[in-house]
């Protein structure tokens, strides 16, 4: 699912209870993340829930990155799914240029998740952008 479709679906849902249910649905649609990849190296620090992320980097000067990951919490898994919809299968330069805060604000996400989840989401985005920076510097 792409981010435009997710934004459209969020805007269709008026009630935040329904939006939370949708977040949970998005998270449950994430592909299975192998247990052997749930390591401290792949763990995103700064998240209250456990979140793991890996990046596959294509060849080239401005490679495309594909992200996979998981969380042990339902709503956080949904946040991971939204984040991957924004950044996965994008060129590293586009990842670094993306204003994810504007996207999160367009669905009122910042106002409706706890400060701990906001911090974790910020940590996840930082990890993704670190992968993009490394991909450009290799």
C-alpha atoms as a PDB file:
ATOM      1  CA  UNK A   1       0.000   0.000   0.000  1.00  0.00           C
ATOM      2  CA  UNK A   2       1.351   3.422  -0.861  1.00  0.00           C
ATOM      3  CA  UNK A   3       1.292   6.462   1.370  1.00  0.00           C
ATOM      4  CA  UNK A   4      -1.243   8.357  -0.752  1.00  0.00           C
ATOM      5  CA  UNK A   5      -3.765   5.545  -0.298  1.00  0.00           C
ATOM      6  CA  UNK A   6      -3.102   5.460   3.448  1.00  0.00           C
ATOM      7  CA  UNK A   7      -3.605   9.243   3.717  1.00  0.00           C
ATOM      8  CA  UNK A   8      -6.838   8.987   1.735  1.00  0.00           C
ATOM      9  CA  UNK A   9      -8.105   6.195   3.992  1.00  0.00           C
ATOM     10  CA  UNK A  10      -7.230   8.186   7.112  1.00  0.00           C
ATOM     11  CA  UNK A  11      -9.098  11.218   5.798  1.00  0.00           C
ATOM     12  CA  UNK A  12     -12.132   9.034   5.101  1.00  0.00           C
ATOM     13  CA  UNK A  13     -12.223   7.876   8.747  1.00  0.00           C
ATOM     14  CA  UNK A  14     -13.648  10.592  10.995  1.00  0.00           C
ATOM     15  CA  UNK A  15     -13.372   8.859  14.345  1.00  0.00           C
ATOM     16  CA  UNK A  16      -9.976   8.221  15.936  1.00  0.00           C
ATOM     17  CA  UNK A  17     -11.140   4.862  17.261  1.00  0.00           C
ATOM     18  CA  UNK A  18     -11.600   3.820  13.626  1.00  0.00           C
ATOM     19  CA  UNK A  19      -8.203   5.295  12.743  1.00  0.00           C
ATOM     20  CA  UNK A  20      -6.560   3.275  15.518  1.00  0.00           C
ATOM     21  CA  UNK A  21      -8.254   0.145  14.163  1.00  0.00           C
ATOM     22  CA  UNK A  22      -6.931   1.026  10.716  1.00  0.00           C
ATOM     23  CA  UNK A  23      -3.433   1.496  12.166  1.00  0.00           C
ATOM     24  CA  UNK A  24      -3.653  -1.975  13.678  1.00  0.00           C
ATOM     25  CA  UNK A  25      -4.804  -3.383  10.317  1.00  0.00           C
ATOM     26  CA  UNK A  26      -1.837  -1.759   8.573  1.00  0.00           C
ATOM     27  CA  UNK A  27       0.525  -3.261  11.130  1.00  0.00           C
ATOM     28  CA  UNK A  28      -0.951  -6.716  10.820  1.00  0.00           C
ATOM     29  CA  UNK A  29      -0.458  -6.539   7.046  1.00  0.00           C
ATOM     30  CA  UNK A  30       3.321  -6.166   7.430  1.00  0.00           C
ATOM     31  CA  UNK A  31       5.158  -9.203   6.088  1.00  0.00           C
ATOM     32  CA  UNK A  32       6.457 -11.596   8.727  1.00  0.00           C
ATOM     33  CA  UNK A  33       9.807 -10.464  10.058  1.00  0.00           C
ATOM     34  CA  UNK A  34      12.111 -13.403  10.789  1.00  0.00           C
ATOM     35  CA  UNK A  35      12.982 -13.948  14.430  1.00  0.00           C
ATOM     36  CA  UNK A  36      16.685 -14.300  13.567  1.00  0.00           C
ATOM     37  CA  UNK A  37      16.627 -10.636  12.413  1.00  0.00           C
ATOM     38  CA  UNK A  38      15.164  -9.431  15.708  1.00  0.00           C
ATOM     39  CA  UNK A  39      18.614  -8.604  17.027  1.00  0.00           C
ATOM     40  CA  UNK A  40      20.091  -5.735  19.000  1.00  0.00           C
ATOM     41  CA  UNK A  41      21.761  -4.467  15.787  1.00  0.00           C
ATOM     42  CA  UNK A  42      18.379  -4.153  14.088  1.00  0.00           C
ATOM     43  CA  UNK A  43      16.520  -2.848  17.144  1.00  0.00           C
ATOM     44  CA  UNK A  44      15.502   0.799  17.018  1.00  0.00           C
ATOM     45  CA  UNK A  45      16.637   2.526  20.189  1.00  0.00           C
ATOM     46  CA  UNK A  46      14.294   5.098  21.707  1.00  0.00           C
ATOM     47  CA  UNK A  47      11.113   3.081  21.259  1.00  0.00           C
ATOM     48  CA  UNK A  48       9.183   1.947  24.319  1.00  0.00           C
ATOM     49  CA  UNK A  49       7.895  -1.011  22.300  1.00  0.00           C
ATOM     50  CA  UNK A  50      10.374  -3.220  20.571  1.00  0.00           C
ATOM     51  CA  UNK A  51      10.917  -2.254  16.935  1.00  0.00           C
ATOM     52  CA  UNK A  52      13.338  -3.831  14.501  1.00  0.00           C
ATOM     53  CA  UNK A  53      14.215  -2.618  11.027  1.00  0.00           C
ATOM     54  CA  UNK A  54      16.505  -3.815   8.252  1.00  0.00           C
ATOM     55  CA  UNK A  55      17.380  -2.179   4.950  1.00  0.00           C
ATOM     56  CA  UNK A  56      18.201  -3.743   1.617  1.00  0.00           C
ATOM     57  CA  UNK A  57      20.199  -1.392  -0.576  1.00  0.00           C
ATOM     58  CA  UNK A  58      20.293  -1.660  -4.359  1.00  0.00           C
ATOM     59  CA  UNK A  59      23.398  -0.821  -6.387  1.00  0.00           C
ATOM     60  CA  UNK A  60      24.142   2.631  -7.736  1.00  0.00           C
ATOM     61  CA  UNK A  61      25.132   6.159  -6.813  1.00  0.00           C
ATOM     62  CA  UNK A  62      21.657   6.931  -5.491  1.00  0.00           C
ATOM     63  CA  UNK A  63      20.407   3.474  -4.543  1.00  0.00           C
ATOM     64  CA  UNK A  64      16.856   2.438  -3.798  1.00  0.00           C
ATOM     65  CA  UNK A  65      16.354   1.210  -0.241  1.00  0.00           C
ATOM     66  CA  UNK A  66      13.780  -1.349   0.820  1.00  0.00           C
ATOM     67  CA  UNK A  67      12.866  -1.603   4.481  1.00  0.00           C
ATOM     68  CA  UNK A  68      11.495  -4.512   6.459  1.00  0.00           C
ATOM     69  CA  UNK A  69      10.688  -4.650  10.114  1.00  0.00           C
ATOM     70  CA  UNK A  70       8.317  -5.392  12.925  1.00  0.00           C
ATOM     71  CA  UNK A  71       7.156  -4.364  16.345  1.00  0.00           C
ATOM     72  CA  UNK A  72       5.819  -6.294  19.293  1.00  0.00           C
ATOM     73  CA  UNK A  73       2.941  -3.785  19.699  1.00  0.00           C
ATOM     74  CA  UNK A  74      -0.114  -3.512  17.438  1.00  0.00           C
ATOM     75  CA  UNK A  75      -0.384   0.265  17.067  1.00  0.00           C
ATOM     76  CA  UNK A  76       3.374   0.648  16.741  1.00  0.00           C
ATOM     77  CA  UNK A  77       3.331  -1.975  13.971  1.00  0.00           C
ATOM     78  CA  UNK A  78       0.877   0.306  12.178  1.00  0.00           C
ATOM     79  CA  UNK A  79       3.226   3.237  12.603  1.00  0.00           C
ATOM     80  CA  UNK A  80       6.026   1.089  11.176  1.00  0.00           C
ATOM     81  CA  UNK A  81       3.800   0.239   8.189  1.00  0.00           C
ATOM     82  CA  UNK A  82       3.059   3.923   7.542  1.00  0.00           C
ATOM     83  CA  UNK A  83       6.744   4.788   7.806  1.00  0.00           C
ATOM     84  CA  UNK A  84       7.672   2.039   5.355  1.00  0.00           C
ATOM     85  CA  UNK A  85       4.947   3.265   2.975  1.00  0.00           C
ATOM     86  CA  UNK A  86       6.668   6.652   2.989  1.00  0.00           C
ATOM     87  CA  UNK A  87      10.274   5.522   2.682  1.00  0.00           C
ATOM     88  CA  UNK A  88      10.578   1.969   1.364  1.00  0.00           C
ATOM     89  CA  UNK A  89      11.451   1.447  -2.318  1.00  0.00           C
ATOM     90  CA  UNK A  90      12.674   5.035  -2.611  1.00  0.00           C
ATOM     91  CA  UNK A  91      16.030   6.418  -3.691  1.00  0.00           C
ATOM     92  CA  UNK A  92      18.314   7.410  -0.831  1.00  0.00           C
ATOM     93  CA  UNK A  93      18.287  11.072  -1.862  1.00  0.00           C
ATOM     94  CA  UNK A  94      14.471  11.141  -1.827  1.00  0.00           C
ATOM     95  CA  UNK A  95      14.409   9.505   1.607  1.00  0.00           C
ATOM     96  CA  UNK A  96      16.660  12.231   2.966  1.00  0.00           C
ATOM     97  CA  UNK A  97      14.600  14.991   1.296  1.00  0.00           C
ATOM     98  CA  UNK A  98      11.220  13.691   2.499  1.00  0.00           C
ATOM     99  CA  UNK A  99       9.385  15.792   5.068  1.00  0.00           C
ATOM    100  CA  UNK A 100       7.731  12.979   6.999  1.00  0.00           C
ATOM    101  CA  UNK A 101       6.420  15.402   9.622  1.00  0.00           C
ATOM    102  CA  UNK A 102       4.205  17.050   7.003  1.00  0.00           C
ATOM    103  CA  UNK A 103       2.854  13.625   6.035  1.00  0.00           C
ATOM    104  CA  UNK A 104       2.226  12.655   9.664  1.00  0.00           C
ATOM    105  CA  UNK A 105       0.539  16.033  10.238  1.00  0.00           C
ATOM    106  CA  UNK A 106      -1.705  15.527   7.198  1.00  0.00           C
ATOM    107  CA  UNK A 107      -3.327  12.581   8.996  1.00  0.00           C
ATOM    108  CA  UNK A 108      -3.206  14.247  12.447  1.00  0.00           C
ATOM    109  CA  UNK A 109      -0.937  11.482  13.660  1.00  0.00           C
ATOM    110  CA  UNK A 110       1.222  13.683  15.873  1.00  0.00           C
ATOM    111  CA  UNK A 111      -1.799  14.872  17.839  1.00  0.00           C
ATOM    112  CA  UNK A 112      -3.205  11.405  18.509  1.00  0.00           C
ATOM    113  CA  UNK A 113      -0.281   9.221  19.508  1.00  0.00           C
ATOM    114  CA  UNK A 114       1.394   9.254  22.892  1.00  0.00           C
ATOM    115  CA  UNK A 115       4.647  11.170  23.408  1.00  0.00           C
ATOM    116  CA  UNK A 116       6.463   7.828  23.835  1.00  0.00           C
ATOM    117  CA  UNK A 117       5.151   6.603  20.472  1.00  0.00           C
ATOM    118  CA  UNK A 118       6.097   9.951  18.901  1.00  0.00           C
ATOM    119  CA  UNK A 119       9.642   9.552  20.219  1.00  0.00           C
ATOM    120  CA  UNK A 120       9.788   6.006  18.904  1.00  0.00           C
ATOM    121  CA  UNK A 121       8.475   7.096  15.515  1.00  0.00           C
ATOM    122  CA  UNK A 122      11.133   9.806  15.384  1.00  0.00           C
ATOM    123  CA  UNK A 123      13.796   7.205  16.244  1.00  0.00           C
ATOM    124  CA  UNK A 124      12.525   4.917  13.478  1.00  0.00           C
ATOM    125  CA  UNK A 125      12.684   7.741  10.921  1.00  0.00           C
ATOM    126  CA  UNK A 126      16.198   8.646  12.103  1.00  0.00           C
ATOM    127  CA  UNK A 127      17.296   5.020  11.616  1.00  0.00           C
ATOM    128  CA  UNK A 128      15.832   4.960   8.100  1.00  0.00           C
ATOM    129  CA  UNK A 129      17.572   8.220   7.211  1.00  0.00           C
ATOM    130  CA  UNK A 130      20.848   6.849   8.620  1.00  0.00           C
ATOM    131  CA  UNK A 131      20.531   3.902   6.249  1.00  0.00           C
ATOM    132  CA  UNK A 132      19.937   6.341   3.361  1.00  0.00           C
ATOM    133  CA  UNK A 133      22.956   8.444   4.328  1.00  0.00           C
ATOM    134  CA  UNK A 134      25.153   5.334   4.533  1.00  0.00           C
ATOM    135  CA  UNK A 135      23.897   4.188   1.138  1.00  0.00           C
ATOM    136  CA  UNK A 136      24.923   7.484  -0.444  1.00  0.00           C
ATOM    137  CA  UNK A 137      28.334   7.448   1.218  1.00  0.00           C
ATOM    138  CA  UNK A 138      29.322   3.944   0.124  1.00  0.00           C
END
